[in-house]
């Protein structure tokens, strides 16, 4: 599919945002070698919860909100 898009005239891709589908970043970089592949922030946050027990999800949600709503890398209170 990506090769077909390239064959239709898309010469270069600067950045792509995907959902973490296995093999997709490699496929994108095969077609457009200089493309930066980034995982969608929503998928990153969702996947974070897989590594913790359900009892900690509320606390994690509060803590993560500080990270993804921060205007810069400097977070108050950290």
C-alpha atoms as a PDB file:
ATOM      1  CA  UNK A   1       0.000   0.000   0.000  1.00  0.00           C
ATOM      2  CA  UNK A   2       2.795   2.445   0.863  1.00  0.00           C
ATOM      3  CA  UNK A   3       4.607   1.694  -2.383  1.00  0.00           C
ATOM      4  CA  UNK A   4       1.377   2.369  -4.267  1.00  0.00           C
ATOM      5  CA  UNK A   5       1.082   5.750  -2.544  1.00  0.00           C
ATOM      6  CA  UNK A   6       4.670   6.528  -3.555  1.00  0.00           C
ATOM      7  CA  UNK A   7       3.970   5.412  -7.126  1.00  0.00           C
ATOM      8  CA  UNK A   8       1.048   7.846  -7.239  1.00  0.00           C
ATOM      9  CA  UNK A   9       3.458  10.717  -6.716  1.00  0.00           C
ATOM     10  CA  UNK A  10       4.192  11.139  -3.018  1.00  0.00           C
ATOM     11  CA  UNK A  11       7.926  11.764  -3.204  1.00  0.00           C
ATOM     12  CA  UNK A  12       8.789  12.313   0.411  1.00  0.00           C
ATOM     13  CA  UNK A  13       7.286  11.979   3.847  1.00  0.00           C
ATOM     14  CA  UNK A  14       8.747  13.957   6.734  1.00  0.00           C
ATOM     15  CA  UNK A  15       6.838  12.462   9.656  1.00  0.00           C
ATOM     16  CA  UNK A  16       4.266   9.732  10.151  1.00  0.00           C
ATOM     17  CA  UNK A  17       2.143   9.046  13.201  1.00  0.00           C
ATOM     18  CA  UNK A  18       0.908   5.500  13.637  1.00  0.00           C
ATOM     19  CA  UNK A  19      -0.733   3.292  16.216  1.00  0.00           C
ATOM     20  CA  UNK A  20       2.162   0.971  16.968  1.00  0.00           C
ATOM     21  CA  UNK A  21       1.205  -1.733  14.480  1.00  0.00           C
ATOM     22  CA  UNK A  22       4.142  -4.131  14.312  1.00  0.00           C
ATOM     23  CA  UNK A  23       6.147  -3.795  11.132  1.00  0.00           C
ATOM     24  CA  UNK A  24       4.585  -0.485  10.079  1.00  0.00           C
ATOM     25  CA  UNK A  25       7.571   1.705  11.047  1.00  0.00           C
ATOM     26  CA  UNK A  26       9.922  -0.572   9.110  1.00  0.00           C
ATOM     27  CA  UNK A  27       7.597  -0.550   6.087  1.00  0.00           C
ATOM     28  CA  UNK A  28       7.400   3.243   6.146  1.00  0.00           C
ATOM     29  CA  UNK A  29      11.187   3.572   6.372  1.00  0.00           C
ATOM     30  CA  UNK A  30      11.614   1.087   3.523  1.00  0.00           C
ATOM     31  CA  UNK A  31       9.544   3.295   1.223  1.00  0.00           C
ATOM     32  CA  UNK A  32      10.632   6.678   2.617  1.00  0.00           C
ATOM     33  CA  UNK A  33      14.034   6.222   4.247  1.00  0.00           C
ATOM     34  CA  UNK A  34      14.163   9.674   5.862  1.00  0.00           C
ATOM     35  CA  UNK A  35      10.646   9.608   7.349  1.00  0.00           C
ATOM     36  CA  UNK A  36      10.391   9.974  11.122  1.00  0.00           C
ATOM     37  CA  UNK A  37       7.924   7.479  12.583  1.00  0.00           C
ATOM     38  CA  UNK A  38       6.199   8.425  15.817  1.00  0.00           C
ATOM     39  CA  UNK A  39       3.620   6.497  17.833  1.00  0.00           C
ATOM     40  CA  UNK A  40       0.371   8.343  18.509  1.00  0.00           C
ATOM     41  CA  UNK A  41       0.291   9.818  22.040  1.00  0.00           C
ATOM     42  CA  UNK A  42      -3.123   8.254  22.715  1.00  0.00           C
ATOM     43  CA  UNK A  43      -1.761   4.797  21.914  1.00  0.00           C
ATOM     44  CA  UNK A  44       1.344   5.401  24.022  1.00  0.00           C
ATOM     45  CA  UNK A  45      -0.782   6.341  27.029  1.00  0.00           C
ATOM     46  CA  UNK A  46      -3.157   3.395  26.570  1.00  0.00           C
ATOM     47  CA  UNK A  47      -0.260   0.970  26.312  1.00  0.00           C
ATOM     48  CA  UNK A  48       1.275   2.327  29.522  1.00  0.00           C
ATOM     49  CA  UNK A  49      -1.587   0.893  31.557  1.00  0.00           C
ATOM     50  CA  UNK A  50      -0.821  -2.653  30.439  1.00  0.00           C
ATOM     51  CA  UNK A  51       2.210  -2.661  32.726  1.00  0.00           C
ATOM     52  CA  UNK A  52       0.352  -1.882  35.966  1.00  0.00           C
ATOM     53  CA  UNK A  53      -2.361  -3.502  38.027  1.00  0.00           C
ATOM     54  CA  UNK A  54      -5.868  -2.008  37.688  1.00  0.00           C
ATOM     55  CA  UNK A  55      -5.697  -0.647  41.242  1.00  0.00           C
ATOM     56  CA  UNK A  56      -3.014   1.866  40.138  1.00  0.00           C
ATOM     57  CA  UNK A  57      -4.717   3.153  36.970  1.00  0.00           C
ATOM     58  CA  UNK A  58      -6.412   6.165  38.612  1.00  0.00           C
ATOM     59  CA  UNK A  59      -3.156   7.343  40.145  1.00  0.00           C
ATOM     60  CA  UNK A  60      -1.317   6.745  36.882  1.00  0.00           C
ATOM     61  CA  UNK A  61      -3.940   8.736  34.982  1.00  0.00           C
ATOM     62  CA  UNK A  62      -3.423  11.741  37.253  1.00  0.00           C
ATOM     63  CA  UNK A  63       0.357  11.516  36.961  1.00  0.00           C
ATOM     64  CA  UNK A  64       0.355  11.030  33.190  1.00  0.00           C
ATOM     65  CA  UNK A  65      -1.971  13.987  32.657  1.00  0.00           C
ATOM     66  CA  UNK A  66       0.808  16.224  34.020  1.00  0.00           C
ATOM     67  CA  UNK A  67       3.143  14.823  31.390  1.00  0.00           C
ATOM     68  CA  UNK A  68       0.996  14.998  28.267  1.00  0.00           C
ATOM     69  CA  UNK A  69      -0.485  18.420  29.061  1.00  0.00           C
ATOM     70  CA  UNK A  70       2.852  19.989  30.025  1.00  0.00           C
ATOM     71  CA  UNK A  71       3.888  22.974  27.886  1.00  0.00           C
ATOM     72  CA  UNK A  72       7.538  21.888  28.034  1.00  0.00           C
ATOM     73  CA  UNK A  73       9.825  19.161  29.375  1.00  0.00           C
ATOM     74  CA  UNK A  74      10.015  20.956  32.743  1.00  0.00           C
ATOM     75  CA  UNK A  75       7.118  19.763  34.918  1.00  0.00           C
ATOM     76  CA  UNK A  76       6.358  21.503  38.186  1.00  0.00           C
ATOM     77  CA  UNK A  77       6.693  19.266  41.219  1.00  0.00           C
ATOM     78  CA  UNK A  78       8.885  16.661  39.546  1.00  0.00           C
END
